[in-house]
Amino acid sequence: MEREWAIGSRNPVRWWDTTLFLRGQGPFIRRGRDDVGYSRELVVGQWGLIPWFAKEAKLAYQTNNARSEELAAKASFKMPWARGQRCIIPADTFDEPYWGPYDAPFKKCEWWRFRRADGHPWGLAGLWNTWTDKATGEVHESYTMLTINADGHPLMGRMHKNELDPKTKKPLPLEDQDKRSVIPIELVDVDIWLTGTQQEAAALIRVPAVELFNAAPA
């Protein structure tokens, strides 16, 4: 991470979950909060953003993913988005469930593992927030991972269960499934993502090319 995202080598020694699940502790990179100029800092926080209005750190609902189409309206994410609290989520790989072809689904999912085809780590788009427990004064760092609609994508459009029509109980057409994809931020765009205007950042929210992926059953 120090080499890939040029965050220097004086990062505090902290632990995080090497295999990350919902609400686990993971690393993310953001614009340095205490730097009046510009630098990048490595932070460790909960994967599952704790919004400013939360009464306690443990939420009754999931905030690990944020639909990019809803950032400006969703209560949990609109303040971090408006304030430019964008981050990069590093990952060697990520896993997604594959339930088989559209017309002959499996009864049990097959987990697929996704790497970058160029051998670099992923730098995924996210939002972060710092929340303080008013009762204890404890400070909690947290973040969420952005997703985008991937209907029709040759790879990401095949992941996850098919959504059913509530009336017919049959799978909806592929173009209506709302399949989701992560949003990689390329190295040349990291500064824009971390420091740019909201319009500049929004221009980087796009479906990744299939050539970017090296994916296979895990």
C-alpha atoms as a PDB file:
ATOM      1  CA  MET A   1       0.000   0.000   0.000  1.00  0.00           C
ATOM      2  CA  GLU A   2       2.868   2.377   0.798  1.00  0.00           C
ATOM      3  CA  ARG A   3       4.386   1.811  -2.636  1.00  0.00           C
ATOM      4  CA  GLU A   4       1.181   1.641  -4.659  1.00  0.00           C
ATOM      5  CA  TRP A   5      -0.493   4.764  -3.298  1.00  0.00           C
ATOM      6  CA  ALA A   6       2.573   6.793  -2.206  1.00  0.00           C
ATOM      7  CA  ILE A   7       1.487   7.183   1.408  1.00  0.00           C
ATOM      8  CA  GLY A   8       5.005   7.171   2.825  1.00  0.00           C
ATOM      9  CA  SER A   9       6.511   4.668   5.238  1.00  0.00           C
ATOM     10  CA  ARG A  10       5.734   6.309   8.580  1.00  0.00           C
ATOM     11  CA  ASN A  11       2.300   4.834   9.014  1.00  0.00           C
ATOM     12  CA  PRO A  12       1.362   3.739  12.521  1.00  0.00           C
ATOM     13  CA  VAL A  13       1.539   0.014  13.139  1.00  0.00           C
ATOM     14  CA  ARG A  14      -2.072  -1.119  13.392  1.00  0.00           C
ATOM     15  CA  TRP A  15      -3.851  -4.400  12.930  1.00  0.00           C
ATOM     16  CA  TRP A  16      -6.677  -5.133  10.572  1.00  0.00           C
ATOM     17  CA  ASP A  17      -8.503  -8.206   9.356  1.00  0.00           C
ATOM     18  CA  THR A  18      -6.518  -9.789   6.541  1.00  0.00           C
ATOM     19  CA  THR A  19      -9.732 -11.435   5.339  1.00  0.00           C
ATOM     20  CA  LEU A  20     -12.428  -8.817   5.710  1.00  0.00           C
ATOM     21  CA  PHE A  21     -16.104  -9.460   6.402  1.00  0.00           C
ATOM     22  CA  LEU A  22     -18.957  -7.061   7.145  1.00  0.00           C
ATOM     23  CA  ARG A  23     -18.157  -4.756  10.074  1.00  0.00           C
ATOM     24  CA  GLY A  24     -14.598  -6.020  10.213  1.00  0.00           C
ATOM     25  CA  GLN A  25     -11.600  -3.725  10.593  1.00  0.00           C
ATOM     26  CA  GLY A  26      -9.936  -2.781   7.322  1.00  0.00           C
ATOM     27  CA  PRO A  27      -7.502  -0.183   5.916  1.00  0.00           C
ATOM     28  CA  PHE A  28      -8.466   2.754   3.743  1.00  0.00           C
ATOM     29  CA  ILE A  29      -6.632   5.754   2.303  1.00  0.00           C
ATOM     30  CA  ARG A  30      -7.910   9.301   2.497  1.00  0.00           C
ATOM     31  CA  ARG A  31      -6.645  12.843   2.227  1.00  0.00           C
ATOM     32  CA  GLY A  32      -4.632  13.662   5.347  1.00  0.00           C
ATOM     33  CA  ARG A  33      -6.981  15.335   7.834  1.00  0.00           C
ATOM     34  CA  ASP A  34      -4.259  17.254   9.688  1.00  0.00           C
ATOM     35  CA  ASP A  35      -2.304  18.357   6.616  1.00  0.00           C
ATOM     36  CA  VAL A  36      -3.058  21.940   5.559  1.00  0.00           C
ATOM     37  CA  GLY A  37      -1.606  21.079   2.158  1.00  0.00           C
ATOM     38  CA  TYR A  38      -2.204  17.691   0.636  1.00  0.00           C
ATOM     39  CA  SER A  39      -1.011  14.245   1.599  1.00  0.00           C
ATOM     40  CA  ARG A  40      -2.505  10.792   1.805  1.00  0.00           C
ATOM     41  CA  GLU A  41      -2.912   8.903   5.039  1.00  0.00           C
ATOM     42  CA  LEU A  42      -3.595   5.274   5.878  1.00  0.00           C
ATOM     43  CA  VAL A  43      -6.457   4.731   8.318  1.00  0.00           C
ATOM     44  CA  VAL A  44      -7.960   1.604   9.843  1.00  0.00           C
ATOM     45  CA  GLY A  45     -11.694   1.535  10.465  1.00  0.00           C
ATOM     46  CA  GLN A  46     -14.878  -0.471  10.390  1.00  0.00           C
ATOM     47  CA  TRP A  47     -16.166  -1.654   7.032  1.00  0.00           C
ATOM     48  CA  GLY A  48     -19.675  -0.346   7.543  1.00  0.00           C
ATOM     49  CA  LEU A  49     -19.962   3.436   7.752  1.00  0.00           C
ATOM     50  CA  ILE A  50     -21.256   4.855  11.042  1.00  0.00           C
ATOM     51  CA  PRO A  51     -23.311   7.947  10.106  1.00  0.00           C
ATOM     52  CA  TRP A  52     -23.247  11.154  12.120  1.00  0.00           C
ATOM     53  CA  PHE A  53     -26.764  10.580  13.490  1.00  0.00           C
ATOM     54  CA  ALA A  54     -26.055   7.090  14.873  1.00  0.00           C
ATOM     55  CA  LYS A  55     -26.820   6.605  18.569  1.00  0.00           C
ATOM     56  CA  GLU A  56     -24.277   3.796  18.927  1.00  0.00           C
ATOM     57  CA  ALA A  57     -21.476   2.280  16.891  1.00  0.00           C
ATOM     58  CA  LYS A  58     -23.267  -1.035  16.369  1.00  0.00           C
ATOM     59  CA  LEU A  59     -25.916  -0.420  13.714  1.00  0.00           C
ATOM     60  CA  ALA A  60     -29.067  -2.443  13.163  1.00  0.00           C
ATOM     61  CA  TYR A  61     -28.701  -2.050   9.391  1.00  0.00           C
ATOM     62  CA  GLN A  62     -25.877  -2.578   6.903  1.00  0.00           C
ATOM     63  CA  THR A  63     -23.838   0.319   5.543  1.00  0.00           C
ATOM     64  CA  ASN A  64     -20.930  -1.615   4.068  1.00  0.00           C
ATOM     65  CA  ASN A  65     -22.017  -0.784   0.499  1.00  0.00           C
ATOM     66  CA  ALA A  66     -23.436   2.454  -0.894  1.00  0.00           C
ATOM     67  CA  ARG A  67     -25.274   2.668  -4.207  1.00  0.00           C
ATOM     68  CA  SER A  68     -23.516   5.441  -6.088  1.00  0.00           C
ATOM     69  CA  GLU A  69     -26.803   6.521  -7.681  1.00  0.00           C
ATOM     70  CA  GLU A  70     -28.201   7.338  -4.206  1.00  0.00           C
ATOM     71  CA  LEU A  71     -25.267   9.133  -2.555  1.00  0.00           C
ATOM     72  CA  ALA A  72     -26.854  12.579  -2.621  1.00  0.00           C
ATOM     73  CA  ALA A  73     -30.141  11.365  -1.126  1.00  0.00           C
ATOM     74  CA  LYS A  74     -29.331   8.475   1.225  1.00  0.00           C
ATOM     75  CA  ALA A  75     -29.281   9.689   4.835  1.00  0.00           C
ATOM     76  CA  SER A  76     -26.288   7.570   5.846  1.00  0.00           C
ATOM     77  CA  PHE A  77     -24.087   8.752   2.976  1.00  0.00           C
ATOM     78  CA  LYS A  78     -25.172  12.189   1.817  1.00  0.00           C
ATOM     79  CA  MET A  79     -23.102  14.143   4.358  1.00  0.00           C
ATOM     80  CA  PRO A  80     -19.805  12.325   3.646  1.00  0.00           C
ATOM     81  CA  TRP A  81     -20.491  12.694  -0.082  1.00  0.00           C
ATOM     82  CA  ALA A  82     -21.304  16.404   0.252  1.00  0.00           C
ATOM     83  CA  ARG A  83     -18.179  17.008   2.358  1.00  0.00           C
ATOM     84  CA  GLY A  84     -15.883  15.214  -0.045  1.00  0.00           C
ATOM     85  CA  GLN A  85     -15.020  12.453   2.451  1.00  0.00           C
ATOM     86  CA  ARG A  86     -13.918  10.067  -0.280  1.00  0.00           C
ATOM     87  CA  CYS A  87     -11.404   7.275   0.190  1.00  0.00           C
ATOM     88  CA  ILE A  88      -9.578   4.455  -1.551  1.00  0.00           C
ATOM     89  CA  ILE A  89     -10.147   0.915  -0.264  1.00  0.00           C
ATOM     90  CA  PRO A  90      -7.118  -1.309  -0.996  1.00  0.00           C
ATOM     91  CA  ALA A  91      -7.668  -4.993  -1.708  1.00  0.00           C
ATOM     92  CA  ASP A  92      -5.621  -7.823  -3.187  1.00  0.00           C
ATOM     93  CA  THR A  93      -8.828  -9.612  -4.156  1.00  0.00           C
ATOM     94  CA  PHE A  94     -12.549  -9.587  -3.493  1.00  0.00           C
ATOM     95  CA  ASP A  95     -15.133 -12.376  -3.681  1.00  0.00           C
ATOM     96  CA  GLU A  96     -18.608 -12.457  -5.191  1.00  0.00           C
ATOM     97  CA  PRO A  97     -21.259 -15.216  -5.233  1.00  0.00           C
ATOM     98  CA  TYR A  98     -22.167 -16.818  -8.552  1.00  0.00           C
ATOM     99  CA  TRP A  99     -25.477 -18.681  -8.663  1.00  0.00           C
ATOM    100  CA  GLY A 100     -25.155 -20.183 -12.111  1.00  0.00           C
ATOM    101  CA  PRO A 101     -26.520 -19.175 -15.515  1.00  0.00           C
ATOM    102  CA  TYR A 102     -29.661 -17.106 -15.855  1.00  0.00           C
ATOM    103  CA  ASP A 103     -31.810 -19.967 -17.137  1.00  0.00           C
ATOM    104  CA  ALA A 104     -30.424 -22.761 -14.933  1.00  0.00           C
ATOM    105  CA  PRO A 105     -29.443 -21.386 -11.521  1.00  0.00           C
ATOM    106  CA  PHE A 106     -27.543 -23.420  -8.945  1.00  0.00           C
ATOM    107  CA  LYS A 107     -29.120 -24.384  -5.643  1.00  0.00           C
ATOM    108  CA  LYS A 108     -25.978 -23.190  -3.885  1.00  0.00           C
ATOM    109  CA  CYS A 109     -23.669 -20.358  -4.845  1.00  0.00           C
ATOM    110  CA  GLU A 110     -20.147 -20.798  -6.173  1.00  0.00           C
ATOM    111  CA  TRP A 111     -17.772 -18.149  -4.819  1.00  0.00           C
ATOM    112  CA  TRP A 112     -15.651 -16.378  -7.399  1.00  0.00           C
ATOM    113  CA  ARG A 113     -12.441 -14.478  -6.646  1.00  0.00           C
ATOM    114  CA  PHE A 114     -11.588 -11.263  -8.468  1.00  0.00           C
ATOM    115  CA  ARG A 115      -8.051  -9.989  -9.054  1.00  0.00           C
ATOM    116  CA  ARG A 116      -6.780  -7.255 -11.327  1.00  0.00           C
ATOM    117  CA  ALA A 117      -5.516  -8.595 -14.625  1.00  0.00           C
ATOM    118  CA  ASP A 118      -2.424  -6.351 -14.437  1.00  0.00           C
ATOM    119  CA  GLY A 119      -1.325  -7.782 -11.081  1.00  0.00           C
ATOM    120  CA  HIS A 120      -1.792  -4.556  -9.134  1.00  0.00           C
ATOM    121  CA  PRO A 121      -4.013  -4.375  -6.035  1.00  0.00           C
ATOM    122  CA  TRP A 122      -7.493  -2.961  -6.288  1.00  0.00           C
ATOM    123  CA  GLY A 123      -8.108   0.625  -5.201  1.00  0.00           C
ATOM    124  CA  LEU A 124     -11.879   0.745  -4.748  1.00  0.00           C
ATOM    125  CA  ALA A 125     -14.001   3.861  -4.367  1.00  0.00           C
ATOM    126  CA  GLY A 126     -15.384   4.528  -0.889  1.00  0.00           C
ATOM    127  CA  LEU A 127     -16.619   7.133   1.570  1.00  0.00           C
ATOM    128  CA  TRP A 128     -15.396   7.506   5.147  1.00  0.00           C
ATOM    129  CA  ASN A 129     -16.693   9.047   8.350  1.00  0.00           C
ATOM    130  CA  THR A 130     -15.375   9.694  11.860  1.00  0.00           C
ATOM    131  CA  TRP A 131     -17.952   9.175  14.609  1.00  0.00           C
ATOM    132  CA  THR A 132     -17.503   9.922  18.312  1.00  0.00           C
ATOM    133  CA  ASP A 133     -19.431   8.101  21.023  1.00  0.00           C
ATOM    134  CA  LYS A 134     -20.925  10.883  23.145  1.00  0.00           C
ATOM    135  CA  ALA A 135     -21.146   8.615  26.186  1.00  0.00           C
ATOM    136  CA  THR A 136     -17.535   7.435  26.212  1.00  0.00           C
ATOM    137  CA  GLY A 137     -15.685   9.860  23.954  1.00  0.00           C
ATOM    138  CA  GLU A 138     -14.361   6.935  21.909  1.00  0.00           C
ATOM    139  CA  VAL A 139     -13.595   7.823  18.294  1.00  0.00           C
ATOM    140  CA  HIS A 140     -14.623   5.374  15.569  1.00  0.00           C
ATOM    141  CA  GLU A 141     -13.328   5.461  12.003  1.00  0.00           C
ATOM    142  CA  SER A 142     -15.498   3.739   9.393  1.00  0.00           C
ATOM    143  CA  TYR A 143     -16.066   3.537   5.667  1.00  0.00           C
ATOM    144  CA  THR A 144     -18.371   2.215   2.973  1.00  0.00           C
ATOM    145  CA  MET A 145     -17.672   0.811  -0.482  1.00  0.00           C
ATOM    146  CA  LEU A 146     -19.398   2.367  -3.487  1.00  0.00           C
ATOM    147  CA  THR A 147     -21.182   0.224  -6.073  1.00  0.00           C
ATOM    148  CA  ILE A 148     -22.683   0.900  -9.480  1.00  0.00           C
ATOM    149  CA  ASN A 149     -25.317  -0.829 -11.582  1.00  0.00           C
ATOM    150  CA  ALA A 150     -23.718  -3.511 -13.767  1.00  0.00           C
ATOM    151  CA  ASP A 151     -26.715  -4.929 -15.632  1.00  0.00           C
ATOM    152  CA  GLY A 152     -25.459  -6.420 -18.883  1.00  0.00           C
ATOM    153  CA  HIS A 153     -21.807  -6.459 -17.793  1.00  0.00           C
ATOM    154  CA  PRO A 154     -20.233  -9.682 -19.172  1.00  0.00           C
ATOM    155  CA  LEU A 155     -18.790 -10.563 -15.760  1.00  0.00           C
ATOM    156  CA  MET A 156     -20.269  -8.523 -12.896  1.00  0.00           C
ATOM    157  CA  GLY A 157     -23.730  -8.843 -14.408  1.00  0.00           C
ATOM    158  CA  ARG A 158     -23.564 -12.587 -13.754  1.00  0.00           C
ATOM    159  CA  MET A 159     -22.885 -12.388 -10.023  1.00  0.00           C
ATOM    160  CA  HIS A 160     -25.397 -12.659  -7.149  1.00  0.00           C
ATOM    161  CA  LYS A 161     -28.834 -14.215  -7.214  1.00  0.00           C
ATOM    162  CA  ASN A 162     -31.308 -13.246  -9.886  1.00  0.00           C
ATOM    163  CA  GLU A 163     -34.043 -10.941  -8.610  1.00  0.00           C
ATOM    164  CA  LEU A 164     -37.569 -12.331  -8.934  1.00  0.00           C
ATOM    165  CA  ASP A 165     -40.647 -10.607 -10.232  1.00  0.00           C
ATOM    166  CA  PRO A 166     -42.914 -10.251  -7.146  1.00  0.00           C
ATOM    167  CA  LYS A 167     -45.963 -11.264  -9.204  1.00  0.00           C
ATOM    168  CA  THR A 168     -44.710 -14.133 -11.353  1.00  0.00           C
ATOM    169  CA  LYS A 169     -41.886 -15.272  -9.015  1.00  0.00           C
ATOM    170  CA  LYS A 170     -39.744 -15.700 -12.125  1.00  0.00           C
ATOM    171  CA  PRO A 171     -36.384 -13.965 -12.670  1.00  0.00           C
ATOM    172  CA  LEU A 172     -36.648 -10.414 -13.915  1.00  0.00           C
ATOM    173  CA  PRO A 173     -35.109  -9.682 -17.325  1.00  0.00           C
ATOM    174  CA  LEU A 174     -31.337  -9.287 -17.110  1.00  0.00           C
ATOM    175  CA  GLU A 175     -31.551  -5.565 -17.849  1.00  0.00           C
ATOM    176  CA  ASP A 176     -33.795  -5.080 -14.782  1.00  0.00           C
ATOM    177  CA  GLN A 177     -31.781  -7.081 -12.252  1.00  0.00           C
ATOM    178  CA  ASP A 178     -29.776  -4.215 -10.698  1.00  0.00           C
ATOM    179  CA  LYS A 179     -26.612  -6.273 -10.554  1.00  0.00           C
ATOM    180  CA  ARG A 180     -23.836  -4.336  -8.804  1.00  0.00           C
ATOM    181  CA  SER A 181     -20.140  -3.782  -9.345  1.00  0.00           C
ATOM    182  CA  VAL A 182     -17.340  -2.241  -7.324  1.00  0.00           C
ATOM    183  CA  ILE A 183     -15.810   0.977  -8.710  1.00  0.00           C
ATOM    184  CA  PRO A 184     -12.028   0.844  -9.180  1.00  0.00           C
ATOM    185  CA  ILE A 185     -10.157   4.151  -9.040  1.00  0.00           C
ATOM    186  CA  GLU A 186      -7.054   4.044 -11.219  1.00  0.00           C
ATOM    187  CA  LEU A 187      -3.761   5.377  -9.859  1.00  0.00           C
ATOM    188  CA  VAL A 188      -3.797   8.378 -12.209  1.00  0.00           C
ATOM    189  CA  ASP A 189      -7.210   9.379 -10.806  1.00  0.00           C
ATOM    190  CA  VAL A 190      -6.524   8.979  -7.080  1.00  0.00           C
ATOM    191  CA  ASP A 191      -5.753  12.669  -6.458  1.00  0.00           C
ATOM    192  CA  ILE A 192      -8.920  13.734  -8.253  1.00  0.00           C
ATOM    193  CA  TRP A 193     -10.969  11.226  -6.262  1.00  0.00           C
ATOM    194  CA  LEU A 194      -9.539  12.369  -2.929  1.00  0.00           C
ATOM    195  CA  THR A 195      -9.387  16.135  -3.538  1.00  0.00           C
ATOM    196  CA  GLY A 196     -11.489  17.011  -6.588  1.00  0.00           C
ATOM    197  CA  THR A 197     -14.878  18.641  -6.751  1.00  0.00           C
ATOM    198  CA  GLN A 198     -18.019  16.576  -6.445  1.00  0.00           C
ATOM    199  CA  GLN A 199     -18.517  16.823 -10.211  1.00  0.00           C
ATOM    200  CA  GLU A 200     -14.949  15.668 -10.884  1.00  0.00           C
ATOM    201  CA  ALA A 201     -15.357  12.729  -8.517  1.00  0.00           C
ATOM    202  CA  ALA A 202     -18.726  11.784 -10.003  1.00  0.00           C
ATOM    203  CA  ALA A 203     -17.091  11.514 -13.432  1.00  0.00           C
ATOM    204  CA  LEU A 204     -14.915   8.685 -12.078  1.00  0.00           C
ATOM    205  CA  ILE A 205     -17.921   6.622 -11.003  1.00  0.00           C
ATOM    206  CA  ARG A 206     -18.259   4.255 -13.924  1.00  0.00           C
ATOM    207  CA  VAL A 207     -18.611   0.571 -14.685  1.00  0.00           C
ATOM    208  CA  PRO A 208     -15.150  -1.027 -15.024  1.00  0.00           C
ATOM    209  CA  ALA A 209     -14.119  -2.654 -18.289  1.00  0.00           C
ATOM    210  CA  VAL A 210     -14.264  -6.434 -18.279  1.00  0.00           C
ATOM    211  CA  GLU A 211     -10.599  -6.509 -19.371  1.00  0.00           C
ATOM    212  CA  LEU A 212      -9.626  -5.145 -15.973  1.00  0.00           C
ATOM    213  CA  PHE A 213     -10.651  -8.386 -14.234  1.00  0.00           C
ATOM    214  CA  ASN A 214      -8.967 -11.701 -13.672  1.00  0.00           C
ATOM    215  CA  ALA A 215     -11.807 -13.753 -12.185  1.00  0.00           C
ATOM    216  CA  ALA A 216     -12.342 -17.442 -11.529  1.00  0.00           C
ATOM    217  CA  PRO A 217     -14.014 -19.740  -8.991  1.00  0.00           C
ATOM    218  CA  ALA A 218     -12.320 -19.375  -5.629  1.00  0.00           C
END
